């Protein structure tokens, strides 16, 4: 498993995340292991987090929530 510093990760995040798609990486800070970057499994990427949620049980609203949020923000 390849080890990179947090400074290297910060400097070239896109490059290192591309590498992490293929092989796990360990991120270190002053020599101490602090994180791991690893490819997502195909199973976790294929199943959304809210898969089992029944959206029909949510309350129905009869107004546009974005309009209410905009009015609230303009009042500041």
Protein backbone atom coordinates (compact mmCIF):
# COMPACT_ATOMS: atom_id res chain seq x y z
CA UNK A 1 0.00 0.00 0.00
CA UNK A 2 1.41 3.40 -0.99
CA UNK A 3 1.90 6.09 1.65
CA UNK A 4 1.66 9.82 0.92
CA UNK A 5 1.90 12.87 3.16
CA UNK A 6 -0.99 15.22 3.77
CA UNK A 7 1.09 17.91 2.06
CA UNK A 8 1.33 15.77 -1.08
CA UNK A 9 -2.42 15.10 -0.94
CA UNK A 10 -3.16 18.80 -0.58
CA UNK A 11 -0.91 19.73 -3.50
CA UNK A 12 -2.32 17.15 -5.95
CA UNK A 13 -5.69 15.96 -4.65
CA UNK A 14 -7.11 15.09 -8.07
CA UNK A 15 -4.07 13.03 -8.99
CA UNK A 16 -4.06 11.07 -5.73
CA UNK A 17 -7.80 10.40 -5.80
CA UNK A 18 -7.33 9.03 -9.31
CA UNK A 19 -4.64 6.69 -7.98
CA UNK A 20 -6.92 5.74 -5.07
CA UNK A 21 -9.54 4.50 -7.58
CA UNK A 22 -7.16 1.64 -8.35
CA UNK A 23 -5.23 1.05 -5.13
CA UNK A 24 -5.58 2.10 -1.49
CA UNK A 25 -3.41 4.95 -0.17
CA UNK A 26 -2.38 5.79 3.39
CA UNK A 27 -2.19 9.51 4.26
CA UNK A 28 0.30 10.59 6.92
CA UNK A 29 0.84 13.77 8.91
CA UNK A 30 4.40 14.12 10.20
CA UNK A 31 4.88 10.39 9.85
CA UNK A 32 1.69 9.43 11.70
CA UNK A 33 -0.97 7.53 9.73
CA UNK A 34 -4.16 9.59 9.81
CA UNK A 35 -6.36 8.42 6.93
CA UNK A 36 -6.81 5.96 4.12
CA UNK A 37 -8.06 6.61 0.61
CA UNK A 38 -9.48 3.55 -1.06
CA UNK A 39 -11.70 2.75 -4.01
CA UNK A 40 -15.42 2.54 -3.37
CA UNK A 41 -16.74 -0.94 -3.74
CA UNK A 42 -19.12 -1.50 -6.60
CA UNK A 43 -21.77 -2.65 -4.13
CA UNK A 44 -21.72 0.55 -2.05
CA UNK A 45 -21.72 2.77 -5.15
CA UNK A 46 -24.67 0.89 -6.66
CA UNK A 47 -26.91 1.13 -3.58
CA UNK A 48 -27.85 4.65 -2.52
CA UNK A 49 -27.94 5.50 1.16
CA UNK A 50 -31.71 6.09 1.15
CA UNK A 51 -32.60 2.92 -0.69
CA UNK A 52 -35.09 1.57 1.86
CA UNK A 53 -36.81 4.86 2.63
CA UNK A 54 -40.51 5.14 1.84
CA UNK A 55 -40.85 8.64 0.40
CA UNK A 56 -44.65 8.37 0.23
CA UNK A 57 -44.82 8.75 4.03
CA UNK A 58 -43.39 12.28 3.92
CA UNK A 59 -45.87 15.10 4.50
CA UNK A 60 -47.25 16.85 1.44
CA UNK A 61 -46.79 20.62 1.18
CA UNK A 62 -48.82 23.02 -0.93
CA UNK A 63 -46.18 25.74 -1.36
CA UNK A 64 -42.80 26.18 -2.96
CA UNK A 65 -40.18 25.84 -0.21
CA UNK A 66 -37.54 27.69 -2.24
CA UNK A 67 -39.72 30.82 -2.24
CA UNK A 68 -39.99 30.68 1.55
CA UNK A 69 -36.22 30.28 1.92
CA UNK A 70 -35.57 33.19 -0.45
CA UNK A 71 -37.94 35.44 1.51
CA UNK A 72 -36.21 34.50 4.73
CA UNK A 73 -32.77 35.29 3.31
CA UNK A 74 -33.84 38.64 1.90
CA UNK A 75 -35.16 39.69 5.31
CA UNK A 76 -31.63 39.71 6.75
